Amino acid sequence: MQCELCDREMAELTAHHLIPRQNTKRKNQDPSPTIEICSACHRQIHTLFDNKHLAAELNSLDKLKNDPQMQRFISWVRKQKSDKRIQVRGSKA
């Protein structure tokens, strides 16, 4: 399986809601579409950005891929082995 953000081949992927579930649950809306990403990319997204920013600004695969902070992480993580546990760093925007 291939991560939709970093394109690495992974044994397992996680579903990332493009609009955080807390936003849709609170309004009794159906969950937003998801993308299948590796746990390193998923953790990095939630380390860098709060749910409000994700819902308003980074609510598509293209927007996530084109964010400068995510681009730096993606270019780095692509070089890492897929079986290696990646430590994420950063602060919320």
C-alpha atoms as a PDB file:
ATOM      1  CA  MET A   1       0.000   0.000   0.000  1.00  0.00           C
ATOM      2  CA  GLN A   2       1.272   3.444  -0.865  1.00  0.00           C
ATOM      3  CA  CYS A   3       0.960   6.564   1.293  1.00  0.00           C
ATOM      4  CA  GLU A   4      -0.950   9.241  -0.614  1.00  0.00           C
ATOM      5  CA  LEU A   5       1.323  11.976   0.782  1.00  0.00           C
ATOM      6  CA  CYS A   6       4.885  10.645   0.783  1.00  0.00           C
ATOM      7  CA  ASP A   7       4.375   7.843  -1.787  1.00  0.00           C
ATOM      8  CA  ARG A   8       6.281   5.325   0.356  1.00  0.00           C
ATOM      9  CA  GLU A   9       5.230   1.677   0.205  1.00  0.00           C
ATOM     10  CA  MET A  10       3.915   0.755   3.660  1.00  0.00           C
ATOM     11  CA  ALA A  11       2.581  -2.371   5.326  1.00  0.00           C
ATOM     12  CA  GLU A  12      -0.221  -0.340   6.934  1.00  0.00           C
ATOM     13  CA  LEU A  13      -1.901   2.973   6.273  1.00  0.00           C
ATOM     14  CA  THR A  14      -4.228   5.121   8.371  1.00  0.00           C
ATOM     15  CA  ALA A  15      -7.293   7.069   7.284  1.00  0.00           C
ATOM     16  CA  HIS A  16      -6.962  10.843   7.651  1.00  0.00           C
ATOM     17  CA  HIS A  17     -10.233  12.811   7.553  1.00  0.00           C
ATOM     18  CA  LEU A  18      -9.730  15.851   5.343  1.00  0.00           C
ATOM     19  CA  ILE A  19     -12.098  17.787   7.604  1.00  0.00           C
ATOM     20  CA  PRO A  20     -11.439  16.712  11.200  1.00  0.00           C
ATOM     21  CA  ARG A  21     -14.160  14.523  12.691  1.00  0.00           C
ATOM     22  CA  GLN A  22     -14.673  16.862  15.632  1.00  0.00           C
ATOM     23  CA  ASN A  23     -15.922  19.489  13.154  1.00  0.00           C
ATOM     24  CA  THR A  24     -18.400  17.178  11.413  1.00  0.00           C
ATOM     25  CA  LYS A  25     -19.579  15.339  14.564  1.00  0.00           C
ATOM     26  CA  ARG A  26     -20.414  18.575  16.361  1.00  0.00           C
ATOM     27  CA  LYS A  27     -22.650  19.631  13.448  1.00  0.00           C
ATOM     28  CA  ASN A  28     -24.181  16.139  13.000  1.00  0.00           C
ATOM     29  CA  GLN A  29     -22.710  15.951   9.510  1.00  0.00           C
ATOM     30  CA  ASP A  30     -21.428  12.876   7.724  1.00  0.00           C
ATOM     31  CA  PRO A  31     -17.684  12.308   8.101  1.00  0.00           C
ATOM     32  CA  SER A  32     -15.558  13.984   5.444  1.00  0.00           C
ATOM     33  CA  PRO A  33     -13.670  12.081   2.761  1.00  0.00           C
ATOM     34  CA  THR A  34     -10.450  10.424   3.873  1.00  0.00           C
ATOM     35  CA  ILE A  35      -7.020   9.861   2.412  1.00  0.00           C
ATOM     36  CA  GLU A  36      -4.873   6.804   3.152  1.00  0.00           C
ATOM     37  CA  ILE A  37      -1.549   7.883   4.624  1.00  0.00           C
ATOM     38  CA  CYS A  38       1.273   6.376   6.667  1.00  0.00           C
ATOM     39  CA  SER A  39       1.363   6.925  10.412  1.00  0.00           C
ATOM     40  CA  ALA A  40       4.412   9.229  10.139  1.00  0.00           C
ATOM     41  CA  CYS A  41       2.610  11.616   7.780  1.00  0.00           C
ATOM     42  CA  HIS A  42      -0.552  11.400   9.896  1.00  0.00           C
ATOM     43  CA  ARG A  43       1.284  12.229  13.117  1.00  0.00           C
ATOM     44  CA  GLN A  44       3.186  15.062  11.433  1.00  0.00           C
ATOM     45  CA  ILE A  45      -0.054  16.653  10.190  1.00  0.00           C
ATOM     46  CA  HIS A  46      -1.563  16.654  13.676  1.00  0.00           C
ATOM     47  CA  THR A  47       1.698  17.851  15.247  1.00  0.00           C
ATOM     48  CA  LEU A  48       1.963  20.856  12.938  1.00  0.00           C
ATOM     49  CA  PHE A  49      -1.664  21.922  12.594  1.00  0.00           C
ATOM     50  CA  ASP A  50      -4.686  22.245  14.841  1.00  0.00           C
ATOM     51  CA  ASN A  51      -8.062  20.946  13.683  1.00  0.00           C
ATOM     52  CA  LYS A  52      -9.408  24.429  12.984  1.00  0.00           C
ATOM     53  CA  HIS A  53      -6.564  25.139  10.535  1.00  0.00           C
ATOM     54  CA  LEU A  54      -6.923  21.700   8.935  1.00  0.00           C
ATOM     55  CA  ALA A  55     -10.666  22.195   8.387  1.00  0.00           C
ATOM     56  CA  ALA A  56     -10.316  25.710   6.965  1.00  0.00           C
ATOM     57  CA  GLU A  57      -7.038  25.622   5.047  1.00  0.00           C
ATOM     58  CA  LEU A  58      -5.721  22.086   4.489  1.00  0.00           C
ATOM     59  CA  ASN A  59      -8.877  20.156   3.617  1.00  0.00           C
ATOM     60  CA  SER A  60      -7.663  18.401   0.462  1.00  0.00           C
ATOM     61  CA  LEU A  61      -4.783  16.153  -0.532  1.00  0.00           C
ATOM     62  CA  ASP A  62      -3.381  18.837  -2.858  1.00  0.00           C
ATOM     63  CA  LYS A  63      -3.475  21.509  -0.156  1.00  0.00           C
ATOM     64  CA  LEU A  64      -1.637  19.207   2.270  1.00  0.00           C
ATOM     65  CA  LYS A  65       0.978  18.304  -0.358  1.00  0.00           C
ATOM     66  CA  ASN A  66       1.533  21.978  -1.221  1.00  0.00           C
ATOM     67  CA  ASP A  67       1.880  23.287   2.334  1.00  0.00           C
ATOM     68  CA  PRO A  68       5.523  24.404   2.808  1.00  0.00           C
ATOM     69  CA  GLN A  69       5.902  22.699   6.207  1.00  0.00           C
ATOM     70  CA  MET A  70       4.494  19.426   4.881  1.00  0.00           C
ATOM     71  CA  GLN A  71       6.634  19.654   1.721  1.00  0.00           C
ATOM     72  CA  ARG A  72       9.799  19.810   3.851  1.00  0.00           C
ATOM     73  CA  PHE A  73       8.638  16.808   5.902  1.00  0.00           C
ATOM     74  CA  ILE A  74       7.556  14.797   2.847  1.00  0.00           C
ATOM     75  CA  SER A  75      10.852  15.344   1.027  1.00  0.00           C
ATOM     76  CA  TRP A  76      12.702  14.162   4.147  1.00  0.00           C
ATOM     77  CA  VAL A  77      10.454  11.208   5.029  1.00  0.00           C
ATOM     78  CA  ARG A  78      10.572   9.828   1.462  1.00  0.00           C
ATOM     79  CA  LYS A  79      14.233   8.968   2.134  1.00  0.00           C
ATOM     80  CA  GLN A  80      13.424   7.001   5.303  1.00  0.00           C
ATOM     81  CA  LYS A  81      12.918   3.246   5.436  1.00  0.00           C
ATOM     82  CA  SER A  82       9.271   2.266   5.588  1.00  0.00           C
ATOM     83  CA  ASP A  83       9.774  -0.020   8.598  1.00  0.00           C
ATOM     84  CA  LYS A  84      11.455   2.714  10.662  1.00  0.00           C
ATOM     85  CA  ARG A  85       9.432   4.474  13.386  1.00  0.00           C
ATOM     86  CA  ILE A  86       9.581   8.170  12.466  1.00  0.00           C
ATOM     87  CA  GLN A  87       9.756  10.768  15.209  1.00  0.00           C
ATOM     88  CA  VAL A  88       7.787  13.872  14.264  1.00  0.00           C
ATOM     89  CA  ARG A  89       8.656  17.402  15.310  1.00  0.00           C
ATOM     90  CA  GLY A  90       7.088  20.800  15.024  1.00  0.00           C
ATOM     91  CA  SER A  91       4.552  23.041  16.622  1.00  0.00           C
ATOM     92  CA  LYS A  92       0.951  23.849  15.841  1.00  0.00           C
ATOM     93  CA  ALA A  93       0.311  26.661  13.385  1.00  0.00           C
END
